[in-house]
Amino acid sequence: MLAYAHMAEDWDLVAIRSLDDGFADFDETQKQVFYFDDFLGRVALDKSALAKLDSDLARFIKRVQKSSNTRFILTTRAPIFEEAKHHSEHLADERLDISRYLLDVGVYTRRIKARILYNHLLVTGTPQSHINTLIVSGMLPKIVDHRHYNPRLIALMTEGSRIANHDPANYPAAFIAALDNPTQLWDLPFRKHIPTTCRNLLLTLFFCDQFGADIDVLREAFDAFNAELSRHFGTAHNPKDFEESLKILEGGFITIRGREVNFVNPSVRDYLSAYLDDLTLLNLAAKSAKRTEWARRVWQHSQRLGIHKTKDSSEAAALALNFRVVAEAFLSLPVQKRVETRHGFGDTMDGLSNTDRIELLAEWWFASREPRFVELIEALAASPVQGWDSWRDGGDLFGIVSKLRDSDWLGELPNALVTAKRVEDGAIELLESHSYAPEDLTRFLDAEEEWRVGLGERLIEVLYEAIESEFRDVADTVRYMDTESTLEEHVEMLEDLAKRASIPTSVLNEAKDIALRRKYELEDRSSYSASYSSRNVDRGGDSFDDAALSNLFAPLLRDNG
């Protein structure tokens, strides 16, 4: 609703899936409202994503705060946000001044709940026969007052295409039954109303990207997983399973927009999350894994089962060994790919980073003690796929070096010290290549301070040399900055680096003067200023009895024709 309100005042909505997208599309000369949905994960906290997101989120928020033409809206579930605050000093830092608004269904008034139901019946295609039966049944108060009332359930139980097959006479009872047992809403259709291949496709989609899967990526994963499931359970499968399953599921369980496939509602993912707490299914998913990110999602989901809590878990070992096929591909599967964007061609993530691959292989080794996992780690350390990347590997290189030299972390791995030296050499080469963005230096320095114990002197020396070169080359850096907020942010970064790396004040002041001159060149640009008026929100009164509820829905009662 915030996004709609801004769009009504001619703001440009920019929906993003990563902060990379946000930085790339940021243009303070335009009125922009950035929208980042489920930024911490849709079902549970994505801790690996948070580690990458943490400091960049703080930097993006600061950039937004400095621009009168920019707004930033982020959504997540309250429990996920509270957990994230325990892992992120930036999210927990009140100085970021994040404006937090909690939508608490528990405090919705009866009037608001009734209006939500009314609006869904009005616009979501609920058949008139069903609407009439629901109103006449006298069950509206039971629905509105139900202890499991939830807008998501209301949306599902009023969606025309979903409920058209319900007998109108049984619709009110089915509505109450769905509220009584929300899991039943998907359980019965999933288990009884769709073919096995459709169930397999939904399980496949669960382990794809939470924001939706490219149809070709989904097909590849489905073909492998479906074949594995069919072999294990003795069911038939054929080359047309994918296309036929898509047709059956579209509208009821999934949506297809262009080349992207996603769940029709987040509650499908919620249901499958519990359904997949099954070690047999996870082992089959591990065997069929074709991509690095799929493999990590399966492994992470298995942690819900508690099989990793004991050091010598045979179940965890067996699961880890089932990743051996995809593990071999870690040496060749791409890390990024070239794609066309609205700004031209650019690189985008296409698999786990090399450092993430090493960490995942290490987890599999600790679970199984399979020597091949160590050999793959050593191979990646010596020759990372598409080379080390300052943005994706960056500070993680420092962390891996330190962990490999620490017996309490990865030091138990065979040849850990040799591998640490290889990774450290790669980090040194990356720093000496000058192929990093200015903000990468802060990330490197953060990592150096966190993992200093275990880092070699040469690595630390090269890092500080890189920081010094940033001050020497500041004129070349700011030449390509075309907004005042970007320049101000860069000056703040220089001040922070100077303080932490003991850069002389005279050197810092000279760099700031160069940035200031560039800022003067940009000052003639016009900028929009936005005034935003608060609107009164009708929260309804406490007095909204059954008669008022009945009067609200009365206009919906019409002839079925």
Protein backbone atom coordinates (compact mmCIF):
# COMPACT_ATOMS: atom_id res chain seq x y z
CA MET A 1 0.00 0.00 0.00
CA LEU A 2 2.93 2.31 0.62
CA ALA A 3 4.18 1.56 -2.86
CA TYR A 4 0.75 2.26 -4.38
CA ALA A 5 0.52 5.54 -2.47
CA HIS A 6 3.84 6.69 -3.90
CA MET A 7 2.95 5.55 -7.42
CA ALA A 8 -0.23 7.65 -7.20
CA GLU A 9 2.07 10.65 -6.69
CA ASP A 10 4.18 9.78 -9.76
CA TRP A 11 6.98 7.91 -8.05
CA ASP A 12 8.69 5.20 -10.10
CA LEU A 13 8.35 1.78 -8.46
CA VAL A 14 11.56 -0.27 -8.60
CA ALA A 15 11.05 -3.83 -7.35
CA ILE A 16 14.39 -5.46 -6.53
CA ARG A 17 15.54 -8.95 -5.59
CA SER A 18 18.98 -7.96 -4.39
CA LEU A 19 20.84 -4.87 -3.26
CA ASP A 20 22.94 -5.21 -6.41
CA ASP A 21 19.77 -4.38 -8.34
CA GLY A 22 19.12 -1.45 -6.03
CA PHE A 23 22.56 0.09 -6.43
CA ALA A 24 22.42 -0.42 -10.20
CA ASP A 25 19.03 1.30 -10.56
CA PHE A 26 19.60 4.12 -8.06
CA ASP A 27 19.04 7.52 -9.67
CA GLU A 28 18.47 10.40 -7.28
CA THR A 29 17.39 12.69 -10.12
CA GLN A 30 14.21 10.59 -10.38
CA LYS A 31 11.50 9.97 -7.78
CA GLN A 32 12.05 6.30 -6.95
CA VAL A 33 10.52 3.95 -4.42
CA PHE A 34 12.49 0.71 -4.04
CA TYR A 35 10.56 -2.36 -2.91
CA PHE A 36 12.44 -5.41 -1.57
CA ASP A 37 9.94 -8.17 -0.69
CA ASP A 38 10.85 -10.90 1.83
CA PHE A 39 14.39 -9.54 1.96
CA LEU A 40 15.44 -11.95 4.74
CA GLY A 41 13.84 -15.10 3.32
CA ARG A 42 10.28 -16.28 2.74
CA VAL A 43 9.97 -19.27 5.06
CA ALA A 44 12.91 -18.91 7.44
CA LEU A 45 15.91 -16.63 7.89
CA ASP A 46 18.45 -17.06 5.10
CA LYS A 47 21.57 -16.62 7.24
CA SER A 48 23.97 -17.05 4.34
CA ALA A 49 22.18 -14.29 2.42
CA LEU A 50 22.14 -12.08 5.51
CA ALA A 51 25.91 -12.36 5.84
CA LYS A 52 26.30 -10.92 2.34
CA LEU A 53 23.50 -8.42 2.81
CA ASP A 54 24.40 -6.97 6.18
CA SER A 55 26.77 -4.06 5.61
CA ASP A 56 25.47 -3.40 2.09
CA LEU A 57 21.96 -2.97 3.46
CA ALA A 58 23.20 -0.35 5.89
CA ARG A 59 25.01 1.45 3.09
CA PHE A 60 21.95 1.40 0.82
CA ILE A 61 19.70 2.70 3.60
CA LYS A 62 22.10 5.55 4.27
CA ARG A 63 22.10 6.46 0.59
CA VAL A 64 18.30 6.50 0.61
CA GLN A 65 18.23 8.67 3.71
CA LYS A 66 20.37 11.28 2.01
CA SER A 67 18.15 11.52 -1.06
CA SER A 68 14.84 13.38 -0.90
CA ASN A 69 13.83 11.57 -4.10
CA THR A 70 14.17 8.04 -2.80
CA ARG A 71 12.12 5.73 -0.60
CA PHE A 72 12.96 2.17 0.43
CA ILE A 73 10.34 -0.39 1.50
CA LEU A 74 11.41 -3.80 2.83
CA THR A 75 9.10 -6.58 3.97
CA THR A 76 9.68 -9.64 6.09
CA ARG A 77 7.89 -11.71 8.69
CA ALA A 78 8.26 -10.43 12.24
CA PRO A 79 9.89 -13.61 13.68
CA ILE A 80 12.44 -13.66 10.85
CA PHE A 81 13.29 -10.00 11.49
CA GLU A 82 13.75 -10.59 15.22
CA GLU A 83 16.07 -13.55 14.52
CA ALA A 84 18.04 -11.50 11.98
CA LYS A 85 18.67 -8.79 14.58
CA HIS A 86 20.58 -11.35 16.63
CA HIS A 87 22.90 -12.02 13.70
CA SER A 88 23.21 -8.50 12.29
CA GLU A 89 24.66 -5.55 14.14
CA HIS A 90 23.36 -3.26 11.39
CA LEU A 91 19.75 -4.39 11.63
CA ALA A 92 19.94 -4.13 15.42
CA ASP A 93 21.50 -0.66 15.30
CA GLU A 94 18.85 1.93 16.18
CA ARG A 95 20.94 4.66 14.56
CA LEU A 96 19.89 3.37 11.17
CA ASP A 97 16.49 4.71 12.09
CA ILE A 98 14.57 2.07 10.18
CA SER A 99 10.90 2.93 10.21
CA ARG A 100 9.26 -0.29 11.28
CA TYR A 101 5.58 -1.00 10.82
CA LEU A 102 4.19 -4.26 12.12
CA LEU A 103 1.04 -5.67 10.57
CA ASP A 104 -0.32 -7.67 13.49
CA VAL A 105 -3.41 -9.66 12.55
CA GLY A 106 -4.01 -10.21 16.25
CA VAL A 107 -4.96 -6.57 16.74
CA TYR A 108 -7.14 -6.21 13.65
CA THR A 109 -10.56 -4.96 14.70
CA ARG A 110 -13.67 -6.87 13.76
CA ARG A 111 -14.53 -4.14 11.27
CA ILE A 112 -11.16 -4.44 9.52
CA LYS A 113 -11.41 -8.23 9.32
CA ALA A 114 -14.89 -7.96 7.87
CA ARG A 115 -13.76 -5.42 5.27
CA ILE A 116 -10.87 -7.64 4.21
CA LEU A 117 -13.28 -10.51 3.62
CA TYR A 118 -15.74 -8.18 1.86
CA ASN A 119 -13.05 -6.85 -0.49
CA HIS A 120 -11.86 -10.33 -1.42
CA LEU A 121 -15.37 -11.52 -2.19
CA LEU A 122 -15.88 -8.42 -4.30
CA VAL A 123 -12.79 -8.56 -6.51
CA THR A 124 -11.23 -12.05 -6.56
CA GLY A 125 -13.78 -13.76 -8.78
CA THR A 126 -15.70 -15.65 -6.11
CA PRO A 127 -18.76 -17.15 -7.90
CA GLN A 128 -21.98 -15.31 -7.06
CA SER A 129 -23.61 -18.59 -5.99
CA HIS A 130 -20.87 -19.06 -3.38
CA ILE A 131 -21.17 -15.48 -2.15
CA ASN A 132 -24.92 -15.80 -1.74
CA THR A 133 -24.65 -19.07 0.14
CA LEU A 134 -21.97 -17.68 2.43
CA ILE A 135 -24.00 -14.59 3.33
CA VAL A 136 -27.27 -16.48 3.85
CA SER A 137 -25.58 -19.23 5.89
CA GLY A 138 -25.05 -16.92 8.84
CA MET A 139 -21.41 -18.05 9.16
CA LEU A 140 -19.84 -14.68 8.42
CA PRO A 141 -19.42 -13.88 12.13
CA LYS A 142 -17.72 -17.25 12.69
CA ILE A 143 -15.26 -16.53 9.88
CA VAL A 144 -14.48 -12.98 10.98
CA ASP A 145 -14.09 -13.97 14.65
CA HIS A 146 -12.20 -17.21 14.00
CA ARG A 147 -8.99 -17.60 16.03
CA HIS A 148 -7.11 -18.63 12.86
CA TYR A 149 -8.38 -15.69 10.80
CA ASN A 150 -5.59 -14.69 8.45
CA PRO A 151 -5.72 -12.54 5.28
CA ARG A 152 -3.70 -15.20 3.46
CA LEU A 153 -6.34 -17.83 4.20
CA ILE A 154 -9.10 -15.41 3.26
CA ALA A 155 -7.40 -14.82 -0.09
CA LEU A 156 -7.15 -18.55 -0.76
CA MET A 157 -10.72 -19.33 0.19
CA THR A 158 -12.19 -16.58 -2.00
CA GLU A 159 -10.06 -17.09 -5.12
CA GLY A 160 -12.59 -17.85 -7.85
CA SER A 161 -10.49 -20.28 -9.87
CA ARG A 162 -9.63 -22.21 -6.73
CA ILE A 163 -13.09 -22.64 -5.22
CA ALA A 164 -15.19 -22.92 -8.39
CA ASN A 165 -15.33 -26.72 -7.96
CA HIS A 166 -16.70 -26.43 -4.43
CA ASP A 167 -20.41 -27.16 -4.18
CA PRO A 168 -21.92 -23.77 -3.26
CA ALA A 169 -24.02 -25.42 -0.56
CA ASN A 170 -20.87 -26.76 1.13
CA TYR A 171 -18.79 -23.62 0.66
CA PRO A 172 -19.47 -22.04 4.09
CA ALA A 173 -18.59 -25.29 5.88
CA ALA A 174 -15.45 -25.67 3.74
CA PHE A 175 -14.46 -22.10 4.63
CA ILE A 176 -14.75 -22.82 8.35
CA ALA A 177 -12.92 -26.13 7.93
CA ALA A 178 -10.01 -24.35 6.27
CA LEU A 179 -9.78 -21.96 9.21
CA ASP A 180 -10.05 -24.83 11.70
CA ASN A 181 -7.14 -26.65 10.06
CA PRO A 182 -5.11 -24.33 7.79
CA THR A 183 -2.66 -27.05 6.75
CA GLN A 184 -5.58 -29.01 5.31
CA LEU A 185 -6.02 -26.20 2.80
CA TRP A 186 -3.08 -27.52 0.80
CA ASP A 187 -2.71 -31.00 2.24
CA LEU A 188 -5.77 -32.59 0.67
CA PRO A 189 -5.33 -31.01 -2.80
CA PHE A 190 -1.61 -31.83 -2.74
CA ARG A 191 -1.99 -35.44 -1.69
CA LYS A 192 -5.22 -36.38 -3.46
CA HIS A 193 -6.13 -33.95 -6.24
CA ILE A 194 -3.00 -33.79 -8.41
CA PRO A 195 -0.87 -36.48 -10.10
CA THR A 196 2.42 -37.65 -8.63
CA THR A 197 4.42 -35.79 -11.26
CA CYS A 198 2.72 -32.54 -10.21
CA ARG A 199 3.69 -33.17 -6.60
CA ASN A 200 7.24 -33.80 -7.75
CA LEU A 201 7.27 -30.50 -9.63
CA LEU A 202 6.11 -28.59 -6.55
CA LEU A 203 8.82 -30.24 -4.45
CA THR A 204 11.34 -29.27 -7.12
CA LEU A 205 10.19 -25.65 -7.15
CA PHE A 206 10.58 -25.46 -3.36
CA PHE A 207 14.36 -25.92 -3.63
CA CYS A 208 14.69 -23.40 -6.46
CA ASP A 209 15.07 -19.67 -5.89
CA GLN A 210 12.49 -18.45 -3.38
CA PHE A 211 11.58 -15.57 -5.69
CA GLY A 212 10.72 -17.89 -8.56
CA ALA A 213 12.52 -20.17 -10.98
CA ASP A 214 13.45 -19.66 -14.60
CA ILE A 215 11.49 -22.23 -16.53
CA ASP A 216 14.62 -23.81 -18.06
CA VAL A 217 16.31 -24.07 -14.65
CA LEU A 218 13.14 -25.60 -13.21
CA ARG A 219 12.92 -28.10 -16.08
CA GLU A 220 16.51 -29.25 -15.54
CA ALA A 221 15.97 -29.70 -11.79
CA PHE A 222 12.59 -31.40 -12.28
CA ASP A 223 13.82 -33.88 -14.87
CA ALA A 224 16.54 -35.06 -12.48
CA PHE A 225 14.46 -35.05 -9.27
CA ASN A 226 11.38 -36.56 -10.90
CA ALA A 227 13.44 -39.40 -12.35
CA GLU A 228 15.05 -40.07 -8.95
CA LEU A 229 11.70 -40.04 -7.16
CA SER A 230 10.15 -42.29 -9.81
CA ARG A 231 12.96 -44.85 -9.54
CA HIS A 232 12.75 -44.93 -5.76
CA PHE A 233 8.96 -45.17 -5.47
CA GLY A 234 8.41 -47.25 -8.61
CA THR A 235 6.21 -44.77 -10.44
CA ALA A 236 6.14 -44.10 -14.16
CA HIS A 237 7.61 -40.98 -15.76
CA ASN A 238 7.96 -39.75 -19.33
CA PRO A 239 9.49 -36.80 -21.23
CA LYS A 240 6.18 -34.88 -21.24
CA ASP A 241 5.80 -34.85 -17.45
CA PHE A 242 7.14 -31.31 -17.10
CA GLU A 243 4.84 -29.61 -19.62
CA GLU A 244 1.79 -31.55 -18.48
CA SER A 245 2.46 -30.81 -14.81
CA LEU A 246 2.85 -27.09 -15.49
CA LYS A 247 -0.53 -27.01 -17.24
CA ILE A 248 -2.28 -28.82 -14.40
CA LEU A 249 -0.70 -26.74 -11.62
CA GLU A 250 -1.00 -23.29 -13.20
CA GLY A 251 -3.52 -21.14 -11.40
CA GLY A 252 -4.11 -23.63 -8.60
CA PHE A 253 -0.60 -24.09 -7.17
CA ILE A 254 1.73 -22.03 -9.35
CA THR A 255 1.83 -18.90 -11.47
CA ILE A 256 3.74 -18.52 -14.75
CA ARG A 257 4.76 -15.03 -15.79
CA GLY A 258 6.90 -14.90 -18.88
CA ARG A 259 9.68 -17.38 -18.19
CA GLU A 260 9.30 -17.37 -14.41
CA VAL A 261 7.46 -19.94 -12.33
CA ASN A 262 6.47 -19.29 -8.72
CA PHE A 263 4.04 -20.51 -6.09
CA VAL A 264 0.59 -19.00 -6.39
CA ASN A 265 0.70 -18.09 -2.71
CA PRO A 266 3.47 -18.15 -0.06
CA SER A 267 1.38 -20.55 2.00
CA VAL A 268 2.18 -23.30 -0.54
CA ARG A 269 5.84 -22.91 0.35
CA ASP A 270 4.93 -22.96 4.05
CA TYR A 271 3.08 -26.22 3.59
CA LEU A 272 5.86 -27.85 1.57
CA SER A 273 8.45 -26.75 4.11
CA ALA A 274 6.86 -29.04 6.67
CA TYR A 275 6.10 -31.77 4.11
CA LEU A 276 9.79 -31.91 3.17
CA ASP A 277 10.90 -32.61 6.72
CA ASP A 278 11.48 -36.11 5.42
CA LEU A 279 14.93 -37.64 5.25
CA THR A 280 14.06 -39.97 2.37
CA LEU A 281 12.93 -37.08 0.18
CA LEU A 282 15.98 -35.03 1.09
CA ASN A 283 18.34 -37.88 0.22
CA LEU A 284 16.67 -38.24 -3.17
CA ALA A 285 16.90 -34.47 -3.68
CA ALA A 286 20.60 -34.61 -2.83
CA LYS A 287 21.23 -37.40 -5.34
CA SER A 288 19.47 -35.50 -8.11
CA ALA A 289 21.05 -32.09 -7.43
CA LYS A 290 22.37 -30.44 -10.60
CA ARG A 291 23.18 -26.95 -9.32
CA THR A 292 25.19 -25.59 -6.43
CA GLU A 293 22.45 -23.45 -4.90
CA TRP A 294 19.91 -26.30 -5.06
CA ALA A 295 22.39 -28.51 -3.17
CA ARG A 296 22.88 -25.94 -0.42
CA ARG A 297 19.13 -25.40 0.00
CA VAL A 298 18.57 -29.15 0.41
CA TRP A 299 21.42 -29.39 2.94
CA GLN A 300 20.17 -26.37 4.88
CA HIS A 301 16.64 -27.75 4.99
CA SER A 302 17.95 -30.98 6.46
CA GLN A 303 19.15 -29.03 9.49
CA ARG A 304 15.50 -28.73 10.54
CA LEU A 305 15.54 -32.47 11.27
CA GLY A 306 18.25 -32.22 13.93
CA ILE A 307 20.48 -34.82 12.30
CA HIS A 308 23.50 -32.48 12.45
CA LYS A 309 23.48 -32.01 16.21
CA THR A 310 25.57 -35.08 16.97
CA LYS A 311 29.12 -35.27 15.64
CA ASP A 312 28.90 -38.82 14.33
CA SER A 313 25.42 -38.86 12.84
CA SER A 314 25.06 -41.68 10.34
CA GLU A 315 22.01 -39.95 8.85
CA ALA A 316 23.93 -36.72 8.22
CA ALA A 317 26.83 -38.72 6.78
CA ALA A 318 24.58 -40.61 4.38
CA LEU A 319 22.93 -37.39 3.24
CA ALA A 320 26.27 -35.68 2.69
CA LEU A 321 27.52 -38.59 0.59
CA ASN A 322 24.48 -38.29 -1.66
CA PHE A 323 25.83 -34.90 -2.78
CA ARG A 324 28.95 -36.45 -4.30
CA VAL A 325 27.76 -36.13 -7.91
CA VAL A 326 26.94 -32.44 -7.70
CA ALA A 327 30.07 -31.87 -5.62
CA GLU A 328 32.18 -32.99 -8.58
CA ALA A 329 30.45 -30.32 -10.67
CA PHE A 330 31.51 -27.62 -8.18
CA LEU A 331 34.74 -27.39 -10.20
CA SER A 332 32.95 -26.48 -13.43
CA LEU A 333 29.48 -25.04 -12.72
CA PRO A 334 29.56 -21.27 -13.35
CA VAL A 335 29.63 -18.68 -10.60
CA GLN A 336 28.13 -15.93 -12.74
CA LYS A 337 26.74 -15.39 -16.20
CA ARG A 338 26.37 -12.51 -18.65
CA VAL A 339 22.82 -11.21 -19.01
CA GLU A 340 21.09 -8.28 -20.65
CA THR A 341 19.60 -5.73 -18.25
CA ARG A 342 17.85 -2.39 -18.60
CA HIS A 343 21.31 -0.81 -18.41
CA GLY A 344 22.90 -3.05 -21.03
CA PHE A 345 24.85 -6.24 -20.43
CA GLY A 346 26.14 -7.18 -17.02
CA ASP A 347 27.17 -10.10 -14.85
CA THR A 348 24.71 -11.77 -12.50
CA MET A 349 25.03 -14.58 -9.97
CA ASP A 350 24.56 -18.05 -11.39
CA GLY A 351 25.51 -20.37 -8.56
CA LEU A 352 27.31 -20.35 -5.25
CA SER A 353 30.47 -18.29 -4.95
CA ASN A 354 33.75 -20.17 -4.72
CA THR A 355 34.06 -19.42 -1.01
CA ASP A 356 30.52 -20.70 -0.41
CA ARG A 357 31.38 -23.87 -2.31
CA ILE A 358 34.43 -24.46 -0.14
CA GLU A 359 32.41 -23.95 3.06
CA LEU A 360 29.66 -26.31 1.86
CA LEU A 361 32.16 -28.99 0.85
CA ALA A 362 33.75 -28.64 4.29
CA GLU A 363 30.37 -29.20 5.96
CA TRP A 364 29.88 -32.34 3.90
CA TRP A 365 33.35 -33.57 4.85
CA PHE A 366 32.76 -32.99 8.56
CA ALA A 367 29.51 -34.95 8.29
CA SER A 368 30.89 -37.86 6.25
CA ARG A 369 34.74 -37.78 6.36
CA GLU A 370 34.68 -38.49 2.62
CA PRO A 371 38.22 -37.74 1.28
CA ARG A 372 36.94 -36.62 -2.11
CA PHE A 373 35.32 -33.55 -0.55
CA VAL A 374 38.76 -32.44 0.69
CA GLU A 375 40.27 -32.96 -2.75
CA LEU A 376 37.57 -30.75 -4.26
CA ILE A 377 38.23 -28.06 -1.66
CA GLU A 378 41.92 -28.10 -2.53
CA ALA A 379 41.15 -27.91 -6.24
CA LEU A 380 38.86 -24.89 -5.77
CA ALA A 381 41.41 -23.17 -3.55
CA ALA A 382 44.04 -23.59 -6.25
CA SER A 383 41.80 -22.77 -9.22
CA PRO A 384 38.46 -21.11 -8.34
CA VAL A 385 35.75 -21.22 -11.00
CA GLN A 386 35.88 -17.95 -13.01
CA GLY A 387 38.39 -16.64 -10.47
CA TRP A 388 37.95 -15.05 -7.07
CA ASP A 389 35.42 -12.20 -7.05
CA SER A 390 35.81 -9.14 -4.83
CA TRP A 391 32.06 -8.71 -4.37
CA ARG A 392 31.01 -12.31 -3.76
CA ASP A 393 34.15 -13.76 -2.16
CA GLY A 394 35.71 -10.61 -0.75
CA GLY A 395 35.91 -10.78 3.01
CA ASP A 396 34.92 -14.46 3.01
CA LEU A 397 38.43 -15.23 1.75
CA PHE A 398 39.84 -13.80 4.98
CA GLY A 399 37.36 -15.86 6.99
CA ILE A 400 38.27 -19.12 5.26
CA VAL A 401 42.00 -18.53 5.68
CA SER A 402 41.56 -17.92 9.40
CA LYS A 403 39.19 -20.86 9.86
CA LEU A 404 41.55 -23.24 8.09
CA ARG A 405 44.30 -22.24 10.53
CA ASP A 406 42.05 -22.68 13.56
CA SER A 407 41.50 -26.18 14.93
CA ASP A 408 38.12 -25.12 16.31
CA TRP A 409 36.85 -24.23 12.82
CA LEU A 410 38.15 -25.89 9.65
CA GLY A 411 41.60 -26.75 10.93
CA GLU A 412 40.63 -30.40 11.29
CA LEU A 413 40.44 -30.75 7.50
CA PRO A 414 43.34 -32.73 6.01
CA ASN A 415 45.97 -30.41 4.50
CA ALA A 416 44.16 -27.43 6.03
CA LEU A 417 47.32 -25.29 6.27
CA VAL A 418 48.26 -25.91 2.64
CA THR A 419 44.75 -25.02 1.53
CA ALA A 420 44.82 -21.90 3.70
CA LYS A 421 47.99 -20.76 1.96
CA ARG A 422 46.41 -21.25 -1.46
CA VAL A 423 43.33 -19.25 -0.52
CA GLU A 424 45.49 -16.55 1.03
CA ASP A 425 47.56 -16.30 -2.15
CA GLY A 426 44.32 -15.86 -4.07
CA ALA A 427 43.19 -13.08 -1.74
CA ILE A 428 46.53 -11.31 -2.16
CA GLU A 429 46.32 -11.59 -5.94
CA LEU A 430 42.77 -10.23 -5.87
CA LEU A 431 43.80 -7.22 -3.79
CA GLU A 432 46.79 -6.52 -6.02
CA SER A 433 44.66 -6.67 -9.17
CA HIS A 434 42.76 -3.46 -8.32
CA SER A 435 39.61 -5.09 -9.74
CA TYR A 436 37.46 -4.19 -6.73
CA ALA A 437 34.88 -1.47 -6.22
CA PRO A 438 35.71 1.21 -3.61
CA GLU A 439 33.15 -0.14 -1.13
CA ASP A 440 34.85 -3.54 -1.29
CA LEU A 441 37.72 -2.12 0.73
CA THR A 442 35.45 -1.57 3.70
CA ARG A 443 34.26 -5.15 3.40
CA PHE A 444 37.85 -6.41 3.24
CA LEU A 445 38.82 -4.32 6.26
CA ASP A 446 35.82 -5.54 8.24
CA ALA A 447 36.90 -9.11 7.54
CA GLU A 448 40.52 -8.40 8.42
CA GLU A 449 39.48 -7.02 11.79
CA GLU A 450 37.17 -9.97 12.45
CA TRP A 451 39.57 -12.71 11.34
CA ARG A 452 42.96 -11.13 12.07
CA VAL A 453 44.17 -14.13 14.06
CA GLY A 454 45.38 -16.60 11.48
CA LEU A 455 45.96 -14.13 8.64
CA GLY A 456 49.44 -13.86 7.19
CA GLU A 457 51.44 -10.63 7.40
CA ARG A 458 51.64 -10.27 3.62
CA LEU A 459 47.84 -10.42 3.22
CA ILE A 460 47.35 -7.67 5.80
CA GLU A 461 50.15 -5.63 4.23
CA VAL A 462 48.61 -5.85 0.75
CA LEU A 463 45.20 -4.85 2.13
CA TYR A 464 46.61 -1.67 3.65
CA GLU A 465 48.51 -0.94 0.46
CA ALA A 466 45.22 -1.22 -1.44
CA ILE A 467 43.59 1.22 0.98
CA GLU A 468 46.42 3.69 0.48
CA SER A 469 46.08 3.40 -3.29
CA GLU A 470 42.39 4.29 -3.00
CA PHE A 471 43.39 7.68 -1.63
CA ARG A 472 45.99 8.17 -4.36
CA ASP A 473 43.51 7.25 -7.11
CA VAL A 474 40.51 9.14 -5.74
CA ALA A 475 40.35 11.47 -8.76
CA ASP A 476 39.84 8.52 -11.13
CA THR A 477 37.24 7.02 -8.79
CA VAL A 478 35.00 10.08 -8.34
CA ARG A 479 35.18 11.02 -12.01
CA TYR A 480 32.50 8.43 -12.76
CA MET A 481 30.23 9.31 -9.82
CA ASP A 482 27.24 11.28 -11.04
CA THR A 483 25.18 11.92 -7.91
CA GLU A 484 25.86 14.01 -4.84
CA SER A 485 24.75 11.29 -2.45
CA THR A 486 27.21 8.83 -4.00
CA LEU A 487 30.02 11.33 -3.54
CA GLU A 488 29.01 12.04 0.04
CA GLU A 489 28.90 8.34 0.75
CA HIS A 490 32.35 7.92 -0.78
CA VAL A 491 33.76 10.69 1.40
CA GLU A 492 32.29 9.00 4.47
CA MET A 493 33.92 5.75 3.39
CA LEU A 494 37.27 7.51 2.99
CA GLU A 495 36.94 9.04 6.44
CA ASP A 496 36.18 5.63 7.93
CA LEU A 497 39.07 3.96 6.10
CA ALA A 498 41.46 6.75 7.10
CA LYS A 499 40.57 6.36 10.75
CA ARG A 500 40.85 2.58 10.79
CA ALA A 501 43.94 2.32 8.56
CA SER A 502 45.84 5.27 10.12
CA ILE A 503 45.89 7.34 6.92
CA PRO A 504 47.49 10.79 7.53
CA THR A 505 45.02 13.65 7.89
CA SER A 506 46.70 15.57 5.07
CA VAL A 507 46.15 12.66 2.67
CA LEU A 508 42.50 12.38 3.71
CA ASN A 509 41.89 16.11 3.30
CA GLU A 510 43.40 16.13 -0.17
CA ALA A 511 41.14 13.25 -1.22
CA LYS A 512 38.08 15.01 0.23
CA ASP A 513 38.94 18.20 -1.67
CA ILE A 514 39.01 16.26 -4.93
CA ALA A 515 35.61 14.72 -4.16
CA LEU A 516 34.25 18.14 -3.21
CA ARG A 517 35.30 19.64 -6.54
CA ARG A 518 33.44 16.84 -8.31
CA LYS A 519 30.41 17.57 -6.15
CA TYR A 520 30.46 21.24 -7.23
CA GLU A 521 30.32 20.06 -10.84
CA LEU A 522 27.05 18.26 -10.14
CA GLU A 523 25.32 20.91 -8.04
CA ASP A 524 23.49 22.49 -10.96
CA ARG A 525 21.40 19.37 -11.38
CA SER A 526 17.80 19.82 -10.43
CA SER A 527 16.26 17.56 -7.87
CA TYR A 528 12.79 16.82 -6.80
CA SER A 529 11.67 17.41 -3.26
CA ALA A 530 8.81 15.44 -1.94
CA SER A 531 6.33 16.40 0.67
CA TYR A 532 4.30 13.60 2.00
CA SER A 533 1.02 14.13 3.72
CA SER A 534 -0.23 11.70 6.27
CA ARG A 535 -3.62 10.30 5.69
CA ASN A 536 -6.19 9.44 8.26
CA VAL A 537 -6.70 5.74 8.51
CA ASP A 538 -10.12 4.49 9.47
CA ARG A 539 -9.35 1.93 12.09
CA GLY A 540 -12.99 1.38 12.83
CA GLY A 541 -14.61 1.56 16.18
CA ASP A 542 -15.02 -1.06 18.83
CA SER A 543 -18.73 -1.19 18.06
CA PHE A 544 -19.23 -3.45 15.06
CA ASP A 545 -21.89 -5.98 15.98
CA ASP A 546 -23.46 -8.76 13.91
CA ALA A 547 -26.08 -6.39 12.52
CA ALA A 548 -23.39 -4.01 11.25
CA LEU A 549 -21.50 -6.94 9.77
CA SER A 550 -24.62 -8.16 7.99
CA ASN A 551 -25.30 -4.68 6.61
CA LEU A 552 -21.76 -4.50 5.24
CA PHE A 553 -22.18 -7.67 3.17
CA ALA A 554 -25.78 -7.08 2.12
CA PRO A 555 -24.87 -5.29 -1.16
CA LEU A 556 -23.03 -8.44 -2.31
CA LEU A 557 -26.21 -10.51 -2.19
CA ARG A 558 -27.48 -10.74 -5.78
CA ASP A 559 -29.09 -13.18 -8.18
CA ASN A 560 -26.75 -15.95 -9.28
CA GLY A 561 -27.25 -14.93 -12.90
